Amino acid sequence: MSSNKSIKTEVAMLLLNKGWTQEKLVKEMGARLNKNYSSSNLGNKLRLETIPYREIKLIADILGYDIEFVDRDKK
């Protein structure tokens, strides 16, 4: 994920690339965690950039992405 884009924009782009809606993502997150999630709750976390890393990892997994840390000195 690019550091100059907001996490909200990054997740929106991932959803768009996969043809998913935020509502569909929220339903899948709730099902996997056996917890109630709302689209507004997720939207607020993304907008305020307060979303926990564990939820970012879950979103990546649901959408079929891997998160990778790349050593910039080795590029």
N, C-alpha and C. Protein backbone atom coordinates (compact mmCIF):
# COMPACT_ATOMS: atom_id res chain seq x y z
N MET A 1 0.83 -1.18 0.00
CA MET A 1 0.00 0.00 0.00
C MET A 1 0.87 1.24 0.00
N SER A 2 0.50 2.18 -0.77
CA SER A 2 1.28 3.39 -0.93
C SER A 2 1.08 4.31 0.27
N SER A 3 2.15 4.91 0.75
CA SER A 3 2.06 5.74 1.94
C SER A 3 1.42 7.11 1.68
N ASN A 4 1.30 7.52 0.42
CA ASN A 4 0.72 8.83 0.14
C ASN A 4 -0.80 8.78 -0.06
N LYS A 5 -1.39 7.61 -0.03
CA LYS A 5 -2.84 7.47 -0.14
C LYS A 5 -3.41 7.11 1.22
N SER A 6 -4.61 7.58 1.49
CA SER A 6 -5.26 7.22 2.75
C SER A 6 -5.65 5.75 2.71
N ILE A 7 -5.76 5.17 3.88
CA ILE A 7 -6.16 3.76 3.96
C ILE A 7 -7.56 3.58 3.38
N LYS A 8 -8.41 4.59 3.54
CA LYS A 8 -9.75 4.53 2.98
C LYS A 8 -9.69 4.40 1.46
N THR A 9 -8.83 5.20 0.83
CA THR A 9 -8.67 5.14 -0.62
C THR A 9 -8.08 3.81 -1.05
N GLU A 10 -7.10 3.33 -0.30
CA GLU A 10 -6.46 2.05 -0.63
C GLU A 10 -7.47 0.90 -0.58
N VAL A 11 -8.26 0.85 0.48
CA VAL A 11 -9.26 -0.23 0.61
C VAL A 11 -10.32 -0.08 -0.47
N ALA A 12 -10.74 1.14 -0.75
CA ALA A 12 -11.73 1.37 -1.81
C ALA A 12 -11.22 0.86 -3.15
N MET A 13 -9.93 1.09 -3.43
CA MET A 13 -9.35 0.61 -4.69
C MET A 13 -9.30 -0.93 -4.73
N LEU A 14 -8.96 -1.54 -3.61
CA LEU A 14 -8.94 -3.01 -3.55
C LEU A 14 -10.33 -3.57 -3.78
N LEU A 15 -11.33 -2.97 -3.14
CA LEU A 15 -12.72 -3.42 -3.32
C LEU A 15 -13.14 -3.28 -4.78
N LEU A 16 -12.82 -2.16 -5.38
CA LEU A 16 -13.16 -1.92 -6.77
C LEU A 16 -12.50 -2.95 -7.69
N ASN A 17 -11.22 -3.22 -7.44
CA ASN A 17 -10.49 -4.21 -8.25
C ASN A 17 -11.11 -5.60 -8.19
N LYS A 18 -11.69 -5.93 -7.04
CA LYS A 18 -12.29 -7.25 -6.86
C LYS A 18 -13.79 -7.26 -7.14
N GLY A 19 -14.37 -6.09 -7.41
CA GLY A 19 -15.80 -6.03 -7.68
C GLY A 19 -16.66 -6.22 -6.44
N TRP A 20 -16.11 -5.86 -5.29
CA TRP A 20 -16.82 -6.00 -4.02
C TRP A 20 -17.36 -4.64 -3.59
N THR A 21 -18.39 -4.67 -2.77
CA THR A 21 -18.88 -3.46 -2.11
C THR A 21 -18.39 -3.49 -0.67
N GLN A 22 -18.40 -2.33 -0.04
CA GLN A 22 -18.03 -2.28 1.37
C GLN A 22 -19.00 -3.10 2.20
N GLU A 23 -20.25 -3.09 1.83
CA GLU A 23 -21.27 -3.86 2.56
C GLU A 23 -20.97 -5.36 2.50
N LYS A 24 -20.58 -5.85 1.33
CA LYS A 24 -20.24 -7.26 1.19
C LYS A 24 -19.02 -7.60 2.05
N LEU A 25 -18.04 -6.70 2.06
CA LEU A 25 -16.85 -6.90 2.88
C LEU A 25 -17.21 -6.95 4.36
N VAL A 26 -18.05 -6.04 4.80
CA VAL A 26 -18.46 -5.98 6.20
C VAL A 26 -19.16 -7.28 6.60
N LYS A 27 -20.02 -7.79 5.74
CA LYS A 27 -20.72 -9.05 6.04
C LYS A 27 -19.74 -10.20 6.19
N GLU A 28 -18.75 -10.26 5.31
CA GLU A 28 -17.75 -11.33 5.38
C GLU A 28 -16.87 -11.18 6.62
N MET A 29 -16.51 -9.97 6.96
CA MET A 29 -15.71 -9.74 8.17
C MET A 29 -16.49 -10.20 9.40
N GLY A 30 -17.75 -9.84 9.47
CA GLY A 30 -18.59 -10.24 10.59
C GLY A 30 -18.72 -11.75 10.69
N ALA A 31 -18.88 -12.40 9.54
CA ALA A 31 -19.01 -13.86 9.53
C ALA A 31 -17.73 -14.53 10.00
N ARG A 32 -16.61 -14.05 9.54
CA ARG A 32 -15.32 -14.67 9.92
C ARG A 32 -14.97 -14.45 11.39
N LEU A 33 -15.37 -13.31 11.91
CA LEU A 33 -15.03 -12.99 13.30
C LEU A 33 -16.17 -13.29 14.27
N ASN A 34 -17.29 -13.76 13.73
CA ASN A 34 -18.47 -14.03 14.54
C ASN A 34 -18.81 -12.81 15.40
N LYS A 35 -18.89 -11.67 14.73
CA LYS A 35 -19.09 -10.40 15.39
C LYS A 35 -19.90 -9.49 14.48
N ASN A 36 -20.71 -8.62 15.05
CA ASN A 36 -21.47 -7.68 14.24
C ASN A 36 -20.59 -6.54 13.79
N TYR A 37 -20.55 -6.32 12.50
CA TYR A 37 -19.85 -5.18 11.92
C TYR A 37 -20.87 -4.38 11.13
N SER A 38 -20.71 -3.09 11.14
CA SER A 38 -21.58 -2.26 10.30
C SER A 38 -20.72 -1.53 9.29
N SER A 39 -21.32 -1.20 8.18
CA SER A 39 -20.61 -0.47 7.14
C SER A 39 -20.17 0.90 7.65
N SER A 40 -20.99 1.53 8.47
CA SER A 40 -20.62 2.85 8.99
C SER A 40 -19.45 2.74 9.97
N ASN A 41 -19.41 1.67 10.77
CA ASN A 41 -18.31 1.46 11.70
C ASN A 41 -17.00 1.29 10.94
N LEU A 42 -17.01 0.43 9.93
CA LEU A 42 -15.81 0.23 9.13
C LEU A 42 -15.44 1.53 8.40
N GLY A 43 -16.42 2.19 7.84
CA GLY A 43 -16.17 3.45 7.14
C GLY A 43 -15.52 4.49 8.04
N ASN A 44 -15.99 4.58 9.28
CA ASN A 44 -15.40 5.53 10.23
C ASN A 44 -13.96 5.16 10.56
N LYS A 45 -13.71 3.87 10.77
CA LYS A 45 -12.34 3.43 11.06
C LYS A 45 -11.41 3.76 9.90
N LEU A 46 -11.89 3.58 8.69
CA LEU A 46 -11.07 3.88 7.52
C LEU A 46 -10.87 5.38 7.36
N ARG A 47 -11.94 6.13 7.54
CA ARG A 47 -11.87 7.59 7.38
C ARG A 47 -10.95 8.22 8.41
N LEU A 48 -11.06 7.75 9.64
CA LEU A 48 -10.25 8.30 10.73
C LEU A 48 -8.87 7.65 10.83
N GLU A 49 -8.66 6.64 10.03
CA GLU A 49 -7.41 5.87 10.02
C GLU A 49 -7.09 5.30 11.39
N THR A 50 -8.12 4.72 12.01
CA THR A 50 -7.98 4.08 13.32
C THR A 50 -8.22 2.58 13.24
N ILE A 51 -8.23 2.02 12.06
CA ILE A 51 -8.51 0.61 11.88
C ILE A 51 -7.30 -0.21 12.36
N PRO A 52 -7.55 -1.22 13.19
CA PRO A 52 -6.44 -2.04 13.67
C PRO A 52 -5.79 -2.84 12.53
N TYR A 53 -4.51 -3.10 12.69
CA TYR A 53 -3.77 -3.85 11.69
C TYR A 53 -4.38 -5.23 11.49
N ARG A 54 -4.89 -5.86 12.55
CA ARG A 54 -5.50 -7.19 12.40
C ARG A 54 -6.71 -7.14 11.46
N GLU A 55 -7.43 -6.03 11.45
CA GLU A 55 -8.56 -5.89 10.54
C GLU A 55 -8.09 -5.64 9.11
N ILE A 56 -6.98 -4.92 8.96
CA ILE A 56 -6.40 -4.73 7.63
C ILE A 56 -5.95 -6.08 7.08
N LYS A 57 -5.32 -6.90 7.93
CA LYS A 57 -4.90 -8.24 7.49
C LYS A 57 -6.11 -9.07 7.09
N LEU A 58 -7.19 -8.96 7.84
CA LEU A 58 -8.41 -9.70 7.52
C LEU A 58 -8.99 -9.24 6.18
N ILE A 59 -9.04 -7.94 5.96
CA ILE A 59 -9.55 -7.41 4.69
C ILE A 59 -8.71 -7.93 3.54
N ALA A 60 -7.39 -7.89 3.69
CA ALA A 60 -6.51 -8.39 2.64
C ALA A 60 -6.78 -9.87 2.38
N ASP A 61 -6.93 -10.66 3.42
CA ASP A 61 -7.19 -12.09 3.26
C ASP A 61 -8.53 -12.33 2.57
N ILE A 62 -9.55 -11.64 2.99
CA ILE A 62 -10.88 -11.81 2.39
C ILE A 62 -10.84 -11.50 0.89
N LEU A 63 -10.11 -10.45 0.54
CA LEU A 63 -10.05 -10.02 -0.86
C LEU A 63 -8.99 -10.77 -1.68
N GLY A 64 -8.24 -11.65 -1.01
CA GLY A 64 -7.27 -12.47 -1.73
C GLY A 64 -5.93 -11.78 -1.96
N TYR A 65 -5.56 -10.90 -1.05
CA TYR A 65 -4.28 -10.20 -1.15
C TYR A 65 -3.36 -10.63 -0.01
N ASP A 66 -2.06 -10.52 -0.25
CA ASP A 66 -1.06 -10.71 0.78
C ASP A 66 -0.48 -9.35 1.12
N ILE A 67 -0.15 -9.16 2.38
CA ILE A 67 0.55 -7.97 2.81
C ILE A 67 2.01 -8.36 2.94
N GLU A 68 2.86 -7.56 2.33
CA GLU A 68 4.28 -7.89 2.34
C GLU A 68 5.08 -6.66 2.72
N PHE A 69 6.03 -6.84 3.62
CA PHE A 69 6.95 -5.77 3.97
C PHE A 69 8.19 -5.94 3.11
N VAL A 70 8.55 -4.87 2.43
CA VAL A 70 9.69 -4.91 1.51
C VAL A 70 10.78 -3.98 2.06
N ASP A 71 11.97 -4.51 2.20
CA ASP A 71 13.10 -3.74 2.66
C ASP A 71 13.51 -2.77 1.56
N ARG A 72 13.29 -1.49 1.79
CA ARG A 72 13.60 -0.48 0.77
C ARG A 72 15.08 -0.43 0.45
N ASP A 73 15.93 -0.79 1.40
CA ASP A 73 17.36 -0.78 1.15
C ASP A 73 17.79 -1.91 0.22
N LYS A 74 16.94 -2.91 0.04
CA LYS A 74 17.29 -4.05 -0.80
C LYS A 74 16.66 -3.96 -2.19
N LYS A 75 15.92 -2.89 -2.46
CA LYS A 75 15.27 -2.74 -3.76
C LYS A 75 16.27 -2.45 -4.84
